[in-house]
Amino acid sequence: MDKPLIIGVAGGSASGKTSVSKILVETFSQQTITLLRQDDYYNDQSHMTMEERVKTNYDHPLSMDNALLVQHLKDLIKGEDIQKPLYDYANHTRSSKTETIRPTKIIIVEGLFVLEDADIRELLDIKVFVKSDDDIRFIRRLLRDTEERGRSLDSVVTQYMESVKPMHEQFIEPSKKHADIIVPEGKTNTVALDLLMTKINSTLNAG
């Protein structure tokens, strides 16, 4: 198989990067495209107590096992299957189960720090940053965490102010400078998505 086209999709929390990635996945067949979520590559914390795990700053790049993600991308580029980790959010550590991922023509890597990490960036053919207004991102996160994850209003606001916002400003927003394509307002920006699709198709056809 020819070298796969690797697309990185980054952006802040609740920016719409997952929705953009989902649209891309739905546009192509399952035999053609694979989605890797950086969230599955949180560090294994099984050696830590639950109290220690809860205190981890999951909005900091060091919470990610990017070395494993990079190795898995290299394996997929070589045409090899990988055993992708799965994260157990209830226990704040990596699950004992894995998921077999087979190489495809297109690989999407989606996550907060995809463009922040230089080793990941080197493997990307197309670098995408999904940009949404900070207030909109906060409202989306507030609704998601209270309605879908059963969290209290106070806990969501506290986490946003103490870790999500400062980590976004320190690590995620500056990574935008590495993007080839910036998609303002995520999936609602049909013009930007059409341009991205055109770029993907032209790159595939050129190969």
C-alpha atoms as a PDB file:
ATOM      1  CA  MET A   1       0.000   0.000   0.000  1.00  0.00           C
ATOM      2  CA  ASP A   2       1.154   3.542  -0.754  1.00  0.00           C
ATOM      3  CA  LYS A   3       2.007   5.834   2.136  1.00  0.00           C
ATOM      4  CA  PRO A   4      -1.241   6.954   3.787  1.00  0.00           C
ATOM      5  CA  LEU A   5      -2.349  10.574   3.828  1.00  0.00           C
ATOM      6  CA  ILE A   6      -2.160  11.700   7.459  1.00  0.00           C
ATOM      7  CA  ILE A   7      -4.333  14.622   8.549  1.00  0.00           C
ATOM      8  CA  GLY A   8      -4.007  16.288  11.933  1.00  0.00           C
ATOM      9  CA  VAL A   9      -7.086  18.031  13.357  1.00  0.00           C
ATOM     10  CA  ALA A  10      -6.410  20.179  16.411  1.00  0.00           C
ATOM     11  CA  GLY A  11      -8.261  22.883  18.312  1.00  0.00           C
ATOM     12  CA  GLY A  12      -9.366  23.896  21.767  1.00  0.00           C
ATOM     13  CA  SER A  13     -11.805  22.040  23.984  1.00  0.00           C
ATOM     14  CA  ALA A  14     -15.314  22.096  22.428  1.00  0.00           C
ATOM     15  CA  SER A  15     -14.016  23.922  19.355  1.00  0.00           C
ATOM     16  CA  GLY A  16     -15.718  21.502  16.975  1.00  0.00           C
ATOM     17  CA  LYS A  17     -12.663  19.441  15.986  1.00  0.00           C
ATOM     18  CA  THR A  18     -14.456  16.164  16.708  1.00  0.00           C
ATOM     19  CA  SER A  19     -17.398  17.217  14.517  1.00  0.00           C
ATOM     20  CA  VAL A  20     -15.058  18.203  11.680  1.00  0.00           C
ATOM     21  CA  SER A  21     -13.237  14.862  11.964  1.00  0.00           C
ATOM     22  CA  LYS A  22     -16.561  12.997  11.971  1.00  0.00           C
ATOM     23  CA  ILE A  23     -17.625  14.757   8.756  1.00  0.00           C
ATOM     24  CA  LEU A  24     -14.367  13.696   7.103  1.00  0.00           C
ATOM     25  CA  VAL A  25     -14.814  10.100   8.258  1.00  0.00           C
ATOM     26  CA  GLU A  26     -18.392  10.001   6.946  1.00  0.00           C
ATOM     27  CA  THR A  27     -17.269  11.364   3.567  1.00  0.00           C
ATOM     28  CA  PHE A  28     -14.985   8.411   2.867  1.00  0.00           C
ATOM     29  CA  SER A  29     -15.500   4.666   3.276  1.00  0.00           C
ATOM     30  CA  GLN A  30     -14.330   2.768   6.350  1.00  0.00           C
ATOM     31  CA  GLN A  31     -11.847   0.927   4.151  1.00  0.00           C
ATOM     32  CA  THR A  32     -10.315   4.248   3.105  1.00  0.00           C
ATOM     33  CA  ILE A  33     -10.173   6.306   6.313  1.00  0.00           C
ATOM     34  CA  THR A  34      -9.200   5.746   9.955  1.00  0.00           C
ATOM     35  CA  LEU A  35      -9.689   8.080  12.921  1.00  0.00           C
ATOM     36  CA  LEU A  36      -7.219   8.120  15.824  1.00  0.00           C
ATOM     37  CA  ARG A  37      -8.242  10.195  18.838  1.00  0.00           C
ATOM     38  CA  GLN A  38      -5.411  11.598  20.910  1.00  0.00           C
ATOM     39  CA  ASP A  39      -7.681  11.225  23.969  1.00  0.00           C
ATOM     40  CA  ASP A  40      -7.109   7.461  23.802  1.00  0.00           C
ATOM     41  CA  TYR A  41      -3.411   8.123  24.344  1.00  0.00           C
ATOM     42  CA  TYR A  42      -3.595   9.603  27.835  1.00  0.00           C
ATOM     43  CA  ASN A  43      -0.787   8.215  29.971  1.00  0.00           C
ATOM     44  CA  ASP A  44      -1.209   4.865  31.705  1.00  0.00           C
ATOM     45  CA  GLN A  45      -1.701   5.776  35.383  1.00  0.00           C
ATOM     46  CA  SER A  46      -2.306   2.298  36.767  1.00  0.00           C
ATOM     47  CA  HIS A  47       0.729   2.666  39.047  1.00  0.00           C
ATOM     48  CA  MET A  48      -0.837   5.707  40.757  1.00  0.00           C
ATOM     49  CA  THR A  49      -3.451   5.896  43.488  1.00  0.00           C
ATOM     50  CA  MET A  50      -6.931   7.140  42.568  1.00  0.00           C
ATOM     51  CA  GLU A  51      -6.257  10.321  44.539  1.00  0.00           C
ATOM     52  CA  GLU A  52      -3.125  10.953  42.460  1.00  0.00           C
ATOM     53  CA  ARG A  53      -4.930  10.200  39.195  1.00  0.00           C
ATOM     54  CA  VAL A  54      -7.713  12.680  39.916  1.00  0.00           C
ATOM     55  CA  LYS A  55      -5.141  15.449  40.468  1.00  0.00           C
ATOM     56  CA  THR A  56      -3.594  14.975  37.002  1.00  0.00           C
ATOM     57  CA  ASN A  57      -3.868  18.041  34.765  1.00  0.00           C
ATOM     58  CA  TYR A  58      -5.479  16.460  31.708  1.00  0.00           C
ATOM     59  CA  ASP A  59      -5.292  19.780  29.846  1.00  0.00           C
ATOM     60  CA  HIS A  60      -1.468  19.730  29.833  1.00  0.00           C
ATOM     61  CA  PRO A  61       0.493  18.058  26.989  1.00  0.00           C
ATOM     62  CA  LEU A  62       2.448  15.955  29.502  1.00  0.00           C
ATOM     63  CA  SER A  63      -0.758  14.046  30.278  1.00  0.00           C
ATOM     64  CA  MET A  64      -0.453  12.436  26.826  1.00  0.00           C
ATOM     65  CA  ASP A  65       1.643   9.444  25.749  1.00  0.00           C
ATOM     66  CA  ASN A  66       2.600  11.093  22.466  1.00  0.00           C
ATOM     67  CA  ALA A  67       5.600   8.789  22.047  1.00  0.00           C
ATOM     68  CA  LEU A  68       3.233   5.823  21.694  1.00  0.00           C
ATOM     69  CA  LEU A  69       0.997   7.768  19.300  1.00  0.00           C
ATOM     70  CA  VAL A  70       3.998   8.641  17.128  1.00  0.00           C
ATOM     71  CA  GLN A  71       5.158   5.006  17.110  1.00  0.00           C
ATOM     72  CA  HIS A  72       1.682   3.832  16.126  1.00  0.00           C
ATOM     73  CA  LEU A  73       1.543   6.355  13.284  1.00  0.00           C
ATOM     74  CA  LYS A  74       4.916   5.136  12.030  1.00  0.00           C
ATOM     75  CA  ASP A  75       3.688   1.529  12.197  1.00  0.00           C
ATOM     76  CA  LEU A  76       0.568   2.409  10.192  1.00  0.00           C
ATOM     77  CA  ILE A  77       2.726   4.234   7.628  1.00  0.00           C
ATOM     78  CA  LYS A  78       4.721   1.006   7.227  1.00  0.00           C
ATOM     79  CA  GLY A  79       1.469  -0.873   6.621  1.00  0.00           C
ATOM     80  CA  GLU A  80       1.385  -2.608   9.999  1.00  0.00           C
ATOM     81  CA  ASP A  81      -1.624  -3.088  12.290  1.00  0.00           C
ATOM     82  CA  ILE A  82      -1.569  -1.429  15.717  1.00  0.00           C
ATOM     83  CA  GLN A  83      -3.219  -2.147  19.049  1.00  0.00           C
ATOM     84  CA  LYS A  84      -4.662   1.253  19.927  1.00  0.00           C
ATOM     85  CA  PRO A  85      -5.126   1.877  23.652  1.00  0.00           C
ATOM     86  CA  LEU A  86      -8.529   2.691  25.125  1.00  0.00           C
ATOM     87  CA  TYR A  87      -8.897   5.065  28.053  1.00  0.00           C
ATOM     88  CA  ASP A  88     -11.004   4.255  31.109  1.00  0.00           C
ATOM     89  CA  TYR A  89     -12.354   7.638  32.176  1.00  0.00           C
ATOM     90  CA  ALA A  90     -14.095   6.247  35.247  1.00  0.00           C
ATOM     91  CA  ASN A  91     -10.798   4.975  36.670  1.00  0.00           C
ATOM     92  CA  HIS A  92      -8.600   7.727  35.180  1.00  0.00           C
ATOM     93  CA  THR A  93      -6.179   5.320  33.558  1.00  0.00           C
ATOM     94  CA  ARG A  94      -5.658   3.212  30.466  1.00  0.00           C
ATOM     95  CA  SER A  95      -8.020   0.299  29.964  1.00  0.00           C
ATOM     96  CA  SER A  96      -6.675  -3.237  29.785  1.00  0.00           C
ATOM     97  CA  LYS A  97      -8.484  -3.562  26.439  1.00  0.00           C
ATOM     98  CA  THR A  98      -7.140  -2.364  23.098  1.00  0.00           C
ATOM     99  CA  GLU A  99      -8.570  -1.886  19.615  1.00  0.00           C
ATOM    100  CA  THR A 100      -6.979  -3.288  16.474  1.00  0.00           C
ATOM    101  CA  ILE A 101      -6.462  -0.562  13.867  1.00  0.00           C
ATOM    102  CA  ARG A 102      -5.460  -1.492  10.335  1.00  0.00           C
ATOM    103  CA  PRO A 103      -3.717   0.897   7.934  1.00  0.00           C
ATOM    104  CA  THR A 104      -5.913   2.789   5.449  1.00  0.00           C
ATOM    105  CA  LYS A 105      -5.336   5.384   2.717  1.00  0.00           C
ATOM    106  CA  ILE A 106      -6.331   8.269   5.009  1.00  0.00           C
ATOM    107  CA  ILE A 107      -5.554   8.577   8.718  1.00  0.00           C
ATOM    108  CA  ILE A 108      -7.024  11.407  10.807  1.00  0.00           C
ATOM    109  CA  VAL A 109      -5.330  12.236  14.105  1.00  0.00           C
ATOM    110  CA  GLU A 110      -7.642  14.391  16.227  1.00  0.00           C
ATOM    111  CA  GLY A 111      -6.851  16.008  19.559  1.00  0.00           C
ATOM    112  CA  LEU A 112      -5.986  19.066  21.604  1.00  0.00           C
ATOM    113  CA  PHE A 113      -2.223  18.819  21.168  1.00  0.00           C
ATOM    114  CA  VAL A 114      -1.863  17.308  17.700  1.00  0.00           C
ATOM    115  CA  LEU A 115      -0.183  20.454  16.331  1.00  0.00           C
ATOM    116  CA  GLU A 116       1.627  21.267  19.579  1.00  0.00           C
ATOM    117  CA  ASP A 117       3.887  18.201  19.430  1.00  0.00           C
ATOM    118  CA  ALA A 118       6.744  18.502  16.923  1.00  0.00           C
ATOM    119  CA  ASP A 119       7.167  14.733  16.488  1.00  0.00           C
ATOM    120  CA  ILE A 120       3.490  14.347  15.555  1.00  0.00           C
ATOM    121  CA  ARG A 121       3.624  17.364  13.230  1.00  0.00           C
ATOM    122  CA  GLU A 122       6.486  15.829  11.256  1.00  0.00           C
ATOM    123  CA  LEU A 123       4.242  12.922  10.279  1.00  0.00           C
ATOM    124  CA  LEU A 124       1.276  15.042   9.168  1.00  0.00           C
ATOM    125  CA  ASP A 125       0.592  15.771   5.501  1.00  0.00           C
ATOM    126  CA  ILE A 126      -2.252  18.211   6.196  1.00  0.00           C
ATOM    127  CA  LYS A 127      -2.484  20.191   9.437  1.00  0.00           C
ATOM    128  CA  VAL A 128      -5.922  21.549  10.387  1.00  0.00           C
ATOM    129  CA  PHE A 129      -6.841  23.858  13.280  1.00  0.00           C
ATOM    130  CA  VAL A 130     -10.509  24.273  14.209  1.00  0.00           C
ATOM    131  CA  LYS A 131     -11.072  27.736  15.668  1.00  0.00           C
ATOM    132  CA  SER A 132     -14.144  28.788  17.643  1.00  0.00           C
ATOM    133  CA  ASP A 133     -14.854  31.786  19.870  1.00  0.00           C
ATOM    134  CA  ASP A 134     -13.747  31.241  23.478  1.00  0.00           C
ATOM    135  CA  ASP A 135     -17.198  32.075  24.874  1.00  0.00           C
ATOM    136  CA  ILE A 136     -18.840  29.595  22.513  1.00  0.00           C
ATOM    137  CA  ARG A 137     -16.349  26.894  23.489  1.00  0.00           C
ATOM    138  CA  PHE A 138     -16.999  27.502  27.191  1.00  0.00           C
ATOM    139  CA  ILE A 139     -20.788  27.343  26.756  1.00  0.00           C
ATOM    140  CA  ARG A 140     -20.515  24.123  24.731  1.00  0.00           C
ATOM    141  CA  ARG A 141     -18.255  22.560  27.364  1.00  0.00           C
ATOM    142  CA  LEU A 142     -20.537  23.709  30.193  1.00  0.00           C
ATOM    143  CA  LEU A 143     -23.622  22.182  28.569  1.00  0.00           C
ATOM    144  CA  ARG A 144     -21.797  18.976  27.628  1.00  0.00           C
ATOM    145  CA  ASP A 145     -20.275  18.341  31.036  1.00  0.00           C
ATOM    146  CA  THR A 146     -23.419  19.152  33.045  1.00  0.00           C
ATOM    147  CA  GLU A 147     -25.937  17.419  30.757  1.00  0.00           C
ATOM    148  CA  GLU A 148     -23.927  14.449  29.474  1.00  0.00           C
ATOM    149  CA  ARG A 149     -21.354  13.835  32.190  1.00  0.00           C
ATOM    150  CA  GLY A 150     -23.331  14.715  35.303  1.00  0.00           C
ATOM    151  CA  ARG A 151     -20.918  17.341  36.550  1.00  0.00           C
ATOM    152  CA  SER A 152     -21.882  20.320  38.681  1.00  0.00           C
ATOM    153  CA  LEU A 153     -21.833  23.883  37.363  1.00  0.00           C
ATOM    154  CA  ASP A 154     -19.221  24.911  39.933  1.00  0.00           C
ATOM    155  CA  SER A 155     -16.840  22.066  39.082  1.00  0.00           C
ATOM    156  CA  VAL A 156     -16.993  22.814  35.350  1.00  0.00           C
ATOM    157  CA  VAL A 157     -16.359  26.533  35.879  1.00  0.00           C
ATOM    158  CA  THR A 158     -13.513  25.876  38.322  1.00  0.00           C
ATOM    159  CA  GLN A 159     -11.766  23.433  35.984  1.00  0.00           C
ATOM    160  CA  TYR A 160     -12.174  25.793  33.047  1.00  0.00           C
ATOM    161  CA  MET A 161     -10.654  28.740  34.889  1.00  0.00           C
ATOM    162  CA  GLU A 162      -7.868  26.799  36.639  1.00  0.00           C
ATOM    163  CA  SER A 163      -6.665  24.491  33.854  1.00  0.00           C
ATOM    164  CA  VAL A 164      -8.625  24.492  30.575  1.00  0.00           C
ATOM    165  CA  LYS A 165      -8.323  28.218  29.817  1.00  0.00           C
ATOM    166  CA  PRO A 166      -4.660  28.730  30.883  1.00  0.00           C
ATOM    167  CA  MET A 167      -3.507  25.523  29.135  1.00  0.00           C
ATOM    168  CA  HIS A 168      -5.369  26.562  25.987  1.00  0.00           C
ATOM    169  CA  GLU A 169      -3.639  29.933  25.987  1.00  0.00           C
ATOM    170  CA  GLN A 170      -0.218  28.424  26.721  1.00  0.00           C
ATOM    171  CA  PHE A 171      -0.192  25.392  24.440  1.00  0.00           C
ATOM    172  CA  ILE A 172      -3.169  25.033  22.085  1.00  0.00           C
ATOM    173  CA  GLU A 173      -3.799  28.506  20.688  1.00  0.00           C
ATOM    174  CA  PRO A 174      -0.080  29.042  19.830  1.00  0.00           C
ATOM    175  CA  SER A 175      -0.064  25.744  17.885  1.00  0.00           C
ATOM    176  CA  LYS A 176      -2.423  27.360  15.376  1.00  0.00           C
ATOM    177  CA  LYS A 177       0.625  28.861  13.646  1.00  0.00           C
ATOM    178  CA  HIS A 178       1.566  25.381  12.395  1.00  0.00           C
ATOM    179  CA  ALA A 179      -1.769  24.823  10.609  1.00  0.00           C
ATOM    180  CA  ASP A 180      -2.074  24.582   6.836  1.00  0.00           C
ATOM    181  CA  ILE A 181      -5.831  25.139   7.054  1.00  0.00           C
ATOM    182  CA  ILE A 182      -7.799  26.982   9.748  1.00  0.00           C
ATOM    183  CA  VAL A 183     -11.503  26.153   9.984  1.00  0.00           C
ATOM    184  CA  PRO A 184     -13.370  28.929  11.834  1.00  0.00           C
ATOM    185  CA  GLU A 185     -16.598  27.813  13.551  1.00  0.00           C
ATOM    186  CA  GLY A 186     -16.029  24.126  12.833  1.00  0.00           C
ATOM    187  CA  LYS A 187     -18.651  22.091  10.992  1.00  0.00           C
ATOM    188  CA  THR A 188     -20.858  25.102  10.205  1.00  0.00           C
ATOM    189  CA  ASN A 189     -18.129  26.526   7.955  1.00  0.00           C
ATOM    190  CA  THR A 190     -19.070  24.629   4.810  1.00  0.00           C
ATOM    191  CA  VAL A 191     -16.724  26.675   2.606  1.00  0.00           C
ATOM    192  CA  ALA A 192     -13.667  25.743   4.694  1.00  0.00           C
ATOM    193  CA  LEU A 193     -14.777  22.106   4.810  1.00  0.00           C
ATOM    194  CA  ASP A 194     -15.262  22.024   1.028  1.00  0.00           C
ATOM    195  CA  LEU A 195     -11.762  23.437   0.554  1.00  0.00           C
ATOM    196  CA  LEU A 196     -10.381  20.795   2.922  1.00  0.00           C
ATOM    197  CA  MET A 197     -12.186  18.020   1.043  1.00  0.00           C
ATOM    198  CA  THR A 198     -10.832  19.347  -2.250  1.00  0.00           C
ATOM    199  CA  LYS A 199      -7.306  19.361  -0.839  1.00  0.00           C
ATOM    200  CA  ILE A 200      -7.655  15.800   0.437  1.00  0.00           C
ATOM    201  CA  ASN A 201      -8.990  14.546  -2.888  1.00  0.00           C
ATOM    202  CA  SER A 202      -6.295  16.316  -4.905  1.00  0.00           C
ATOM    203  CA  THR A 203      -3.576  14.908  -2.666  1.00  0.00           C
ATOM    204  CA  LEU A 204      -4.981  11.396  -2.951  1.00  0.00           C
ATOM    205  CA  ASN A 205      -5.319  11.648  -6.734  1.00  0.00           C
ATOM    206  CA  ALA A 206      -1.808  13.035  -7.076  1.00  0.00           C
ATOM    207  CA  GLY A 207      -0.500   9.993  -5.219  1.00  0.00           C
END
